[in-house]
Amino acid sequence: MNAFEVWFLCRDRKVSLVATRPTLKYWGPADVLAEIVPLIRRHKVALLDLVESLDGLPVADGPFIPYTPLVSPEMLREWQAELMTLFARCVRHMGWGDEAIEEMQAALYRMPVYTVWIDLVHYRELAASIEQEEAKQ
């Protein structure tokens, strides 16, 4: 688990984090804190940087990701997996070879988080039009 995943877990479990260097202050339900505090301590330095970087962003309770709904790390992985499948389906239809598809899929995993949703919507629409085209034939 990385600092961003810990931050999301805190957010989901109603634990607030405030960076006041050199300390990271946290508060929330006592039963949840018992579970989360060891993770917070393990990732304290990275969480300090993350919480400070999020301070003052337009979305008060999370990072501002333009054109994208707020997403958990698990949901992001699901979107990326769906995007890989749709991308391969669409470009195979266009005549791409396996090597080119693999290179592009590797690049898709490295792209900025905010582009995943935009690309997923695009490839869903493209796959739907391919299916309609194939159904007519």
Protein backbone atom coordinates (compact mmCIF):
# COMPACT_ATOMS: atom_id res chain seq x y z
CA MET A 1 0.00 0.00 0.00
CA ASN A 2 1.38 3.43 -0.90
CA ALA A 3 0.72 6.84 0.66
CA PHE A 4 -2.00 7.72 -1.86
CA GLU A 5 -3.89 4.49 -1.07
CA VAL A 6 -3.56 5.22 2.67
CA TRP A 7 -4.90 8.74 2.03
CA PHE A 8 -7.90 7.28 0.16
CA LEU A 9 -8.48 4.76 2.95
CA CYS A 10 -8.44 7.58 5.52
CA ARG A 11 -10.88 9.56 3.42
CA ASP A 12 -13.21 6.57 2.98
CA ARG A 13 -13.11 5.73 6.70
CA LYS A 14 -13.74 9.35 7.85
CA VAL A 15 -10.22 9.97 9.18
CA SER A 16 -8.99 13.55 8.70
CA LEU A 17 -5.33 14.33 8.04
CA VAL A 18 -3.64 17.71 8.53
CA ALA A 19 0.03 18.35 7.80
CA THR A 20 1.82 20.63 10.28
CA ARG A 21 5.48 19.82 9.74
CA PRO A 22 7.10 17.90 11.24
CA THR A 23 3.90 16.25 12.49
CA LEU A 24 0.95 14.74 10.71
CA LYS A 25 -2.23 15.22 12.74
CA TYR A 26 -5.11 12.79 12.35
CA TRP A 27 -8.50 12.29 13.96
CA GLY A 28 -11.52 10.14 13.38
CA PRO A 29 -13.54 7.28 14.86
CA ALA A 30 -11.52 5.49 17.57
CA ASP A 31 -12.16 2.00 16.19
CA VAL A 32 -10.99 3.07 12.73
CA LEU A 33 -7.90 4.86 14.07
CA ALA A 34 -6.74 1.67 15.78
CA GLU A 35 -6.59 0.04 12.35
CA ILE A 36 -5.29 2.97 10.29
CA VAL A 37 -2.68 4.60 12.56
CA PRO A 38 -0.01 1.94 11.85
CA LEU A 39 -0.43 2.62 8.11
CA ILE A 40 -0.26 6.37 8.69
CA ARG A 41 2.96 5.98 10.69
CA ARG A 42 4.49 3.69 8.06
CA HIS A 43 3.88 6.29 5.31
CA LYS A 44 4.24 9.46 7.40
CA VAL A 45 6.83 11.27 5.26
CA ALA A 46 5.00 10.59 1.98
CA LEU A 47 1.64 11.45 3.58
CA LEU A 48 3.03 14.76 4.85
CA ASP A 49 4.07 15.65 1.30
CA LEU A 50 0.75 14.45 -0.14
CA VAL A 51 -1.46 16.24 2.40
CA GLU A 52 0.54 19.47 1.97
CA SER A 53 0.27 19.24 -1.81
CA LEU A 54 -3.52 18.85 -1.59
CA ASP A 55 -3.95 21.87 0.67
CA GLY A 56 -5.89 24.64 -1.05
CA LEU A 57 -7.10 22.60 -4.02
CA PRO A 58 -10.56 23.33 -5.44
CA VAL A 59 -12.01 20.09 -4.03
CA ALA A 60 -11.88 20.37 -0.26
CA ASP A 61 -11.96 16.64 0.48
CA GLY A 62 -9.65 15.31 -2.20
CA PRO A 63 -7.34 15.88 -5.12
CA PHE A 64 -8.61 17.89 -8.05
CA ILE A 65 -8.61 15.67 -11.11
CA PRO A 66 -10.08 17.61 -14.03
CA TYR A 67 -12.83 15.96 -16.09
CA THR A 68 -12.79 12.83 -13.92
CA PRO A 69 -15.03 11.59 -11.13
CA LEU A 70 -13.25 10.95 -7.81
CA VAL A 71 -11.88 7.45 -7.95
CA SER A 72 -10.41 4.97 -5.48
CA PRO A 73 -7.24 3.06 -6.38
CA GLU A 74 -9.30 -0.11 -6.84
CA MET A 75 -11.72 1.58 -9.22
CA LEU A 76 -8.82 3.09 -11.15
CA ARG A 77 -7.33 -0.39 -11.63
CA GLU A 78 -10.74 -1.63 -12.86
CA TRP A 79 -10.95 1.26 -15.32
CA GLN A 80 -7.42 0.58 -16.56
CA ALA A 81 -8.19 -3.12 -17.06
CA GLU A 82 -11.37 -2.29 -18.98
CA LEU A 83 -9.47 0.29 -21.04
CA MET A 84 -6.81 -2.31 -21.96
CA THR A 85 -9.48 -4.74 -23.15
CA LEU A 86 -11.43 -2.14 -25.12
CA PHE A 87 -8.27 -0.65 -26.62
CA ALA A 88 -7.04 -4.05 -27.84
CA ARG A 89 -10.46 -4.86 -29.30
CA CYS A 90 -10.73 -1.55 -31.16
CA VAL A 91 -7.23 -1.43 -32.60
CA ARG A 92 -7.32 -5.09 -33.66
CA HIS A 93 -10.41 -4.14 -35.63
CA MET A 94 -8.31 -1.38 -37.24
CA GLY A 95 -5.61 -3.89 -38.22
CA TRP A 96 -2.93 -3.27 -35.60
CA GLY A 97 -0.47 -6.08 -34.84
CA ASP A 98 0.09 -7.67 -31.43
CA GLU A 99 3.47 -5.98 -30.88
CA ALA A 100 2.07 -2.49 -31.46
CA ILE A 101 -0.89 -3.24 -29.20
CA GLU A 102 1.41 -4.40 -26.37
CA GLU A 103 3.55 -1.26 -26.68
CA MET A 104 0.50 0.99 -26.50
CA GLN A 105 -0.98 -0.93 -23.57
CA ALA A 106 2.27 -0.44 -21.64
CA ALA A 107 2.04 3.29 -22.39
CA LEU A 108 -1.59 3.40 -21.24
CA TYR A 109 -0.58 2.20 -17.76
CA ARG A 110 1.90 5.09 -17.48
CA MET A 111 -0.46 7.85 -18.57
CA PRO A 112 -1.76 10.47 -16.11
CA VAL A 113 -4.70 9.35 -13.98
CA TYR A 114 -7.03 12.06 -15.26
CA THR A 115 -6.81 10.74 -18.84
CA VAL A 116 -7.97 7.20 -17.99
CA TRP A 117 -11.64 8.18 -17.68
CA ILE A 118 -11.59 10.27 -20.86
CA ASP A 119 -9.96 7.47 -22.86
CA LEU A 120 -12.26 4.85 -21.35
CA VAL A 121 -15.34 6.80 -22.46
CA HIS A 122 -13.86 7.19 -25.96
CA TYR A 123 -13.05 3.49 -26.35
CA ARG A 124 -16.44 2.43 -24.97
CA GLU A 125 -18.10 4.52 -27.68
CA LEU A 126 -15.73 3.21 -30.35
CA ALA A 127 -16.31 -0.41 -29.29
CA ALA A 128 -20.08 0.13 -29.39
CA SER A 129 -19.86 1.50 -32.94
CA ILE A 130 -17.68 -1.45 -34.00
CA GLU A 131 -20.24 -3.86 -32.56
CA GLN A 132 -23.04 -2.09 -34.44
CA GLU A 133 -21.01 -2.24 -37.64
CA GLU A 134 -20.32 -5.96 -37.18
CA ALA A 135 -23.99 -6.65 -36.39
CA LYS A 136 -25.00 -5.10 -39.73
CA GLN A 137 -22.68 -7.42 -41.66
